[in-house]
Protein backbone atom coordinates (compact mmCIF):
# COMPACT_ATOMS: atom_id res chain seq x y z
CA PRO A 1 322.49 -14.25 -30.73
CA TYR A 2 323.38 -11.59 -33.19
CA ARG A 3 321.93 -8.14 -33.72
CA ASP A 4 323.08 -5.40 -36.09
CA ARG A 5 326.78 -6.27 -36.10
CA SER A 6 327.48 -7.23 -39.71
CA SER A 7 331.01 -5.80 -39.80
CA GLN A 8 331.98 -7.55 -36.56
CA LEU A 9 330.39 -10.78 -37.77
CA ALA A 10 332.45 -10.65 -40.99
CA VAL A 11 335.69 -10.16 -39.02
CA PHE A 12 334.70 -12.91 -36.59
CA LEU A 13 333.97 -15.44 -39.35
CA ARG A 14 337.23 -14.66 -41.19
CA HIS A 15 339.11 -15.22 -37.93
CA ILE A 16 337.30 -18.17 -36.36
CA HIS A 17 337.16 -20.57 -39.34
CA PRO A 18 340.96 -20.95 -39.68
CA PHE A 19 341.24 -21.08 -35.88
CA LEU A 20 338.76 -23.99 -35.62
CA ARG A 21 340.12 -25.78 -38.70
CA ALA A 22 343.58 -25.79 -37.08
CA GLN A 23 342.03 -27.66 -34.12
CA ASP A 24 340.71 -30.33 -36.51
CA LEU A 25 337.18 -30.09 -35.15
CA HIS A 26 333.91 -31.10 -36.71
CA TYR A 27 332.01 -27.86 -36.18
CA ARG A 28 329.31 -25.56 -37.45
CA ILE A 29 328.68 -21.95 -36.65
CA TYR A 30 325.08 -20.90 -36.20
CA ILE A 31 324.20 -17.21 -36.17
CA ILE A 32 321.13 -16.54 -34.07
CA ASN A 33 319.51 -13.21 -34.88
CA GLN A 34 316.98 -11.04 -33.07
CA ALA A 35 315.44 -9.05 -35.91
CA ASP A 36 312.74 -7.10 -34.07
CA GLU A 37 313.03 -3.73 -32.33
CA HIS A 38 312.28 -5.02 -28.83
CA LEU A 39 314.84 -5.02 -26.02
CA PHE A 40 317.59 -7.53 -26.67
CA ASN A 41 317.28 -10.87 -24.89
CA ARG A 42 320.60 -12.66 -25.32
CA ALA A 43 319.56 -15.63 -23.17
CA MET A 44 316.36 -16.24 -25.08
CA LEU A 45 318.31 -16.22 -28.35
CA MET A 46 320.85 -18.69 -26.96
CA ASN A 47 318.05 -21.00 -25.80
CA ALA A 48 316.23 -20.77 -29.13
CA GLY A 49 319.50 -21.30 -30.96
CA PHE A 50 320.27 -24.38 -28.88
CA THR A 51 316.87 -25.86 -29.68
CA GLU A 52 317.35 -25.23 -33.41
CA VAL A 53 320.90 -26.58 -33.67
CA MET A 54 319.99 -29.75 -31.81
CA GLN A 55 317.38 -30.41 -34.51
CA ASP A 56 320.11 -29.99 -37.15
CA TYR A 57 322.63 -32.44 -35.69
CA SER A 58 323.30 -34.45 -32.54
CA TRP A 59 326.03 -32.19 -31.11
CA ASP A 60 327.69 -32.92 -27.79
CA CYS A 61 329.27 -29.49 -27.17
CA CYS A 62 328.09 -25.90 -27.61
CA ILE A 63 330.30 -22.82 -27.49
CA PHE A 64 328.28 -19.66 -26.85
CA HIS A 65 330.35 -16.90 -28.40
CA ASP A 66 330.05 -13.10 -28.65
CA VAL A 67 330.99 -12.02 -32.19
CA ASP A 68 333.23 -9.22 -30.98
CA LEU A 69 335.68 -11.61 -29.25
CA LEU A 70 338.52 -13.11 -31.29
CA PRO A 71 340.63 -15.90 -29.74
CA GLU A 72 344.38 -15.27 -29.82
CA ASP A 73 345.95 -18.61 -28.84
CA ASP A 74 345.53 -21.97 -30.62
CA ARG A 75 345.90 -23.78 -27.28
CA ASN A 76 342.46 -22.42 -26.32
CA LEU A 77 340.61 -25.55 -27.42
CA TYR A 78 337.00 -25.18 -28.54
CA THR A 79 335.82 -28.36 -26.88
CA CYS A 80 333.73 -29.17 -23.83
CA PRO A 81 335.53 -30.57 -20.81
CA THR A 82 333.83 -32.51 -18.04
CA GLN A 83 332.76 -29.22 -16.38
CA PRO A 84 331.45 -25.98 -17.93
CA ARG A 85 334.27 -23.78 -19.21
CA HIS A 86 334.45 -20.00 -19.26
CA MET A 87 336.74 -19.45 -22.22
CA SER A 88 337.26 -15.68 -22.53
CA VAL A 89 339.39 -15.36 -19.41
CA ALA A 90 341.77 -12.65 -20.59
CA VAL A 91 340.29 -9.94 -22.85
CA ASP A 92 342.40 -7.05 -24.06
CA LYS A 93 339.67 -4.52 -23.16
CA PHE A 94 340.04 -5.59 -19.51
CA LYS A 95 343.87 -5.56 -19.66
CA TYR A 96 343.80 -9.37 -19.96
CA LYS A 97 342.37 -9.79 -16.46
CA LEU A 98 339.00 -11.13 -15.29
CA PRO A 99 336.69 -8.19 -14.51
CA TYR A 100 335.31 -10.25 -11.61
CA LYS A 101 335.84 -13.79 -10.36
CA THR A 102 332.45 -15.31 -11.23
CA ILE A 103 332.12 -13.98 -14.79
CA PHE A 104 330.74 -16.52 -17.29
CA GLY A 105 330.07 -14.23 -20.26
CA GLY A 106 331.77 -13.59 -23.57
CA VAL A 107 332.68 -17.13 -24.64
CA ALA A 108 331.48 -20.19 -22.75
CA ALA A 109 331.58 -23.93 -23.45
CA LEU A 110 328.79 -26.16 -22.18
CA SER A 111 328.20 -29.78 -23.00
CA VAL A 112 324.72 -30.51 -24.27
CA ASP A 113 324.07 -32.59 -21.14
CA HIS A 114 325.08 -29.69 -18.88
CA PHE A 115 323.00 -27.19 -20.85
CA ARG A 116 319.94 -29.41 -20.43
CA LYS A 117 320.66 -30.11 -16.75
CA LEU A 118 320.91 -26.33 -16.14
CA ASN A 119 317.68 -25.74 -18.09
CA GLY A 120 319.48 -23.35 -20.44
CA PHE A 121 319.86 -19.65 -19.77
CA SER A 122 317.21 -17.64 -17.93
CA ASN A 123 314.88 -15.76 -20.32
CA GLN A 124 314.20 -13.15 -17.62
CA PHE A 125 317.04 -10.78 -18.59
CA TRP A 126 316.03 -8.06 -21.08
CA GLY A 127 318.56 -5.55 -22.31
CA TRP A 128 322.19 -6.21 -21.55
CA GLY A 129 323.65 -8.26 -18.74
CA GLY A 130 322.66 -10.66 -16.02
CA GLU A 131 322.08 -13.87 -17.96
CA ASP A 132 325.72 -14.95 -17.77
CA ASP A 133 325.94 -14.27 -14.02
CA ASP A 134 322.69 -16.18 -13.54
CA MET A 135 324.19 -19.10 -15.48
CA ALA A 136 327.26 -19.03 -13.22
CA ASN A 137 324.89 -19.27 -10.23
CA ARG A 138 323.00 -22.17 -11.85
CA ILE A 139 326.27 -23.99 -12.44
CA GLN A 140 327.23 -23.62 -8.79
CA HIS A 141 323.72 -24.57 -7.61
CA HIS A 142 323.92 -27.84 -9.57
CA ARG A 143 327.30 -28.59 -7.97
CA LEU A 144 329.18 -28.13 -11.20
CA LYS A 145 332.33 -26.05 -11.40
CA VAL A 146 333.31 -23.32 -13.87
CA THR A 147 336.70 -24.22 -15.30
CA ARG A 148 339.09 -21.91 -17.12
CA TYR A 149 342.30 -22.14 -19.06
CA LYS A 150 345.18 -20.05 -17.77
CA PRO A 151 345.00 -16.39 -18.85
CA GLU A 152 348.02 -16.78 -21.15
CA ILE A 153 346.00 -19.35 -23.16
CA ALA A 154 342.43 -18.00 -22.92
CA ARG A 155 343.28 -14.61 -24.47
CA TYR A 156 340.88 -12.67 -26.68
CA THR A 157 340.90 -9.45 -28.61
CA MET A 158 337.68 -7.47 -28.46
CA HIS A 159 336.96 -6.20 -31.95
CA THR A 160 334.89 -3.06 -31.51
CA ASP A 161 332.62 -1.27 -33.93
CA PRO A 162 331.17 1.82 -32.23
CA GLU A 163 328.32 2.01 -34.75
CA GLN A 164 326.99 -1.41 -33.82
CA ALA A 165 325.01 -2.93 -30.92
CA SER A 166 325.90 -6.48 -29.86
CA GLY A 167 326.07 -9.94 -31.32
CA TRP A 168 326.62 -13.55 -30.48
CA THR A 169 327.05 -16.89 -32.23
CA LEU A 170 326.68 -20.50 -31.25
CA THR A 171 329.49 -22.82 -32.31
CA THR A 172 328.91 -26.52 -31.88
CA THR A 173 331.54 -29.24 -31.88
CA GLN A 174 331.53 -33.00 -31.88
CA ALA A 175 334.20 -35.07 -30.16
CA ASN A 176 336.44 -36.84 -32.70
C-alpha cells in the first residue's frame, strides 16, 4: 500500500532497484495505492495487491515493504525462505534494535503458499497498526515460525518525510 508519499516513494525506488539488481533477482515492484479519504487500511491494500500481482505473473515470493525503509546490507536477501521472514530487524529509528520480540511489520517476506495458508492479512485493522501483529499471531497459530537475519545484516534506514502519511509496496520475486 501507498498513500501520499511521493517523495519517499521516489527515494525508495532509486535505492531498491540497484539493491535488487545486485542480488540478480527476477522481480517487479507493485505500488498499491489507497486514493480515497477513508481511514487507511494497510492490510486490505496488501491483500488486494496480492490478488492483482498474482494475476500478472505466477510469483512464488512476496516482500511486503514500507516505502520509508531502505535496506543497508546486500546480504539481506529479498527471497522467501522455508518459513516467513521478518526482514526489517534493525531500523535506525529504533537504534537498530527490535522494538518488541514479535514484530512482523516494516518489511516481511512470505511465500505465496504461506500467504494463502494464512488467508492473507486481516482486513479488520483501520488506521495504523495491528495488522502486522495479527499476522505474527496467524503465523504462530499455523505452526510456522518467523525467521530473521541477524541484526547486522537486516539493517534499514527509515527515510522520513514529515509532510507525508505512510506508504507501502509489494515486491515479488521468483526463484532462479
